Protein backbone atom coordinates (compact mmCIF):
# COMPACT_ATOMS: atom_id res chain seq x y z
CA MET A 1 -6.87 -6.86 -17.15
CA PRO A 2 -9.80 -4.84 -18.55
CA GLU A 3 -9.02 -1.71 -20.58
CA LEU A 4 -11.49 1.18 -20.31
CA LEU A 5 -11.90 4.26 -22.47
CA LEU A 6 -12.86 7.20 -20.27
CA GLU A 7 -13.76 10.76 -21.24
CA ILE A 8 -12.59 13.40 -18.81
CA GLY A 9 -12.73 17.10 -19.58
CA GLY A 10 -13.50 16.44 -23.23
CA ARG A 11 -10.44 14.24 -23.65
CA MET A 12 -10.29 10.46 -24.03
CA PHE A 13 -8.10 8.33 -21.78
CA GLU A 14 -7.41 4.61 -21.99
CA VAL A 15 -7.04 3.08 -18.53
CA ALA A 16 -6.49 -0.47 -17.31
CA CYS A 17 -8.06 -1.74 -14.09
CA GLU A 18 -8.47 -4.88 -12.02
CA PRO A 19 -11.33 -7.19 -13.05
CA GLY A 20 -14.54 -6.17 -11.26
CA GLN A 21 -13.39 -2.56 -10.76
CA GLU A 22 -14.88 -1.25 -14.00
CA ASN A 23 -18.00 0.31 -12.48
CA SER A 24 -16.02 1.97 -9.71
CA LEU A 25 -13.55 3.43 -12.22
CA HIS A 26 -16.37 4.70 -14.45
CA ARG A 27 -17.96 6.41 -11.43
CA ALA A 28 -14.64 8.00 -10.45
CA ALA A 29 -14.12 9.18 -14.03
CA ARG A 30 -17.59 10.79 -14.06
CA LEU A 31 -16.74 12.68 -10.85
CA LEU A 32 -13.42 13.86 -12.27
CA ASP A 33 -15.09 14.82 -15.57
CA THR A 34 -17.69 16.87 -13.68
CA GLU A 35 -14.94 18.75 -11.84
CA ALA A 36 -12.90 19.22 -15.05
CA THR A 37 -15.98 20.70 -16.73
CA LYS A 38 -16.41 23.10 -13.78
CA VAL A 39 -12.75 24.15 -14.12
CA GLU A 40 -13.08 24.79 -17.86
CA THR A 41 -16.34 26.70 -17.31
CA ALA A 42 -14.73 28.87 -14.62
CA ILE A 43 -11.32 29.63 -16.20
CA GLY A 44 -11.62 28.43 -19.78
CA ARG A 45 -9.80 25.71 -21.66
CA GLN A 46 -6.45 24.93 -20.02
CA PRO A 47 -3.69 22.47 -20.81
CA GLU A 48 -4.74 18.92 -19.97
CA LYS A 49 -2.37 18.59 -17.00
CA ARG A 50 -3.57 21.84 -15.41
CA THR A 51 -7.26 21.00 -15.93
CA LEU A 52 -6.82 17.54 -14.40
CA LEU A 53 -4.70 18.94 -11.55
CA LEU A 54 -7.32 21.54 -10.65
CA ALA A 55 -10.17 19.01 -10.99
CA GLY A 56 -8.25 16.55 -8.80
CA LEU A 57 -7.63 19.25 -6.19
CA MET A 58 -11.32 20.15 -6.18
CA LEU A 59 -12.23 16.49 -5.67
CA ALA A 60 -9.60 16.18 -2.93
CA ASP A 61 -11.07 19.25 -1.21
CA THR A 62 -14.58 17.77 -1.43
CA THR A 63 -13.27 14.43 -0.14
CA SER A 64 -11.46 16.15 2.74
CA SER A 65 -14.62 18.04 3.67
CA LEU A 66 -16.64 14.82 3.57
CA GLU A 67 -14.03 13.06 5.72
CA ASP A 68 -14.28 15.89 8.28
CA ARG A 69 -18.07 15.62 8.29
CA LEU A 70 -17.81 11.84 8.62
CA ALA A 71 -15.43 12.17 11.58
CA ALA A 72 -17.75 14.68 13.26
CA THR A 73 -20.72 12.41 12.62
CA GLU A 74 -18.84 9.42 14.04
CA ASP A 75 -17.99 11.49 17.15
CA ARG A 76 -21.66 12.44 17.58
CA LEU A 77 -22.63 8.79 17.07
CA ARG A 78 -20.15 7.62 19.73
CA SER A 79 -21.46 10.29 22.09
CA ALA A 80 -25.06 9.26 21.39
CA GLU A 81 -24.17 5.59 21.90
CA GLU A 82 -22.57 6.46 25.26
CA ARG A 83 -25.69 8.40 26.28
CA VAL A 84 -27.81 5.39 25.26
CA ARG A 85 -25.63 3.07 27.38
CA ILE A 86 -25.97 5.44 30.35
CA ALA A 87 -29.74 5.69 29.83
CA GLU A 88 -30.01 1.89 29.60
CA ALA A 89 -28.01 1.51 32.82
CA LYS A 90 -30.20 4.07 34.57
CA SER A 91 -33.30 2.35 33.25
CA ALA A 92 -32.10 -1.02 34.54
CA MET A 93 -31.30 0.53 37.92
CA LEU A 94 -34.73 2.16 38.10
CA ALA A 95 -36.41 -1.11 37.14
CA ALA A 96 -34.46 -2.95 39.85
CA ASN A 97 -35.40 -0.30 42.42
CA ALA A 98 -39.05 -0.48 41.37
CA LEU A 99 -39.00 -4.27 41.71
CA LYS A 100 -37.37 -3.98 45.14
CA MET A 101 -39.97 -1.46 46.29
CA GLU A 102 -42.78 -3.61 44.92
CA THR A 103 -41.38 -6.67 46.71
CA GLU A 104 -41.01 -4.72 49.95
CA ALA A 105 -44.53 -3.36 49.62
CA THR A 106 -46.02 -6.82 49.15
CA HIS A 107 -44.10 -8.16 52.17
CA ARG A 108 -44.87 -5.27 54.51
CA ILE A 109 -46.92 -6.10 57.58
CA SER A 110 -49.66 -3.73 58.63
CA ALA A 111 -49.79 -2.23 62.12
CA ALA A 112 -52.85 -4.38 62.92
CA ASP A 113 -50.98 -7.53 61.86
CA ILE A 114 -48.01 -6.54 64.02
CA GLU A 115 -50.30 -5.96 67.03
CA LYS A 116 -51.96 -9.34 66.44
CA LEU A 117 -48.55 -11.03 66.29
CA ARG A 118 -47.53 -9.30 69.57
CA GLU A 119 -50.73 -10.53 71.25
CA GLU A 120 -50.15 -14.06 69.97
CA ASN A 121 -46.54 -13.90 71.17
CA GLU A 122 -47.63 -12.71 74.65
CA GLY A 123 -50.21 -15.50 74.76
CA ALA A 124 -47.58 -18.05 73.83
CA VAL A 125 -45.21 -16.70 76.51
CA LEU A 126 -48.00 -16.95 79.15
CA ALA A 127 -48.84 -20.51 78.09
CA LEU A 128 -45.18 -21.52 78.21
CA THR A 129 -44.83 -19.86 81.63
CA ARG A 130 -47.81 -21.92 82.93
CA VAL A 131 -46.36 -25.12 81.47
CA LEU A 132 -43.01 -24.33 83.06
CA GLN A 133 -44.70 -23.78 86.45
CA GLU A 134 -46.54 -27.09 86.13
CA VAL A 135 -43.31 -28.89 85.19
CA ASN A 136 -41.52 -27.32 88.14
CA GLU A 137 -44.38 -28.32 90.48
CA LEU A 138 -44.29 -31.87 89.15
CA ALA A 139 -40.53 -31.99 89.56
CA ALA A 140 -40.84 -30.74 93.13
CA ARG A 141 -43.45 -33.43 93.92
CA VAL A 142 -41.30 -36.13 92.41
CA GLU A 143 -38.31 -34.98 94.47
CA SER A 144 -40.31 -34.82 97.64
CA GLY A 145 -41.65 -38.29 96.99
CA GLU A 146 -45.31 -37.38 96.77
C-alpha cells in the first residue's frame, strides 16, 4: 500500500492509500490545504484539529453547493430531454401529416376528370342497355321459334 507525505495547512501528514489512488489523494490534499490556508489567513494560526475541522467544513459546504447545482442541472437536463422527446414526436406527426397530404394531393381527381369519368360511365350504361335489349330481343325470337 503506497505511503504519501502530504502538506496541509503547513503541516506534514503521512497517509496510506490504495494503489492507483495517489493522484486523487494528492488532489484532495491540495484542496484541503487551500481551505486550511484560507482559514489561517482569516482567523490566524489555530490548533491543527480546529484548522482541519474548519477547512473540512468549508470543503463540505462547497461540495454541498456543487451537489445542489448538479441536481438542479440534472433536473433542467431531464426537462430539456422531455421537451426534445415531445418536439421529436410532434415533428414525426407533422411529417406524417405532410406525407398524407402530399399523397392525397397527388391522388386527387380534378373536376374535369370526374366529369369525364361520369360521361364514360353514362356511355357504358347506354351501351350495356342496348346490348341487354338486343339479348332480350334475341331471346324472345328464340322462344317464339323465329
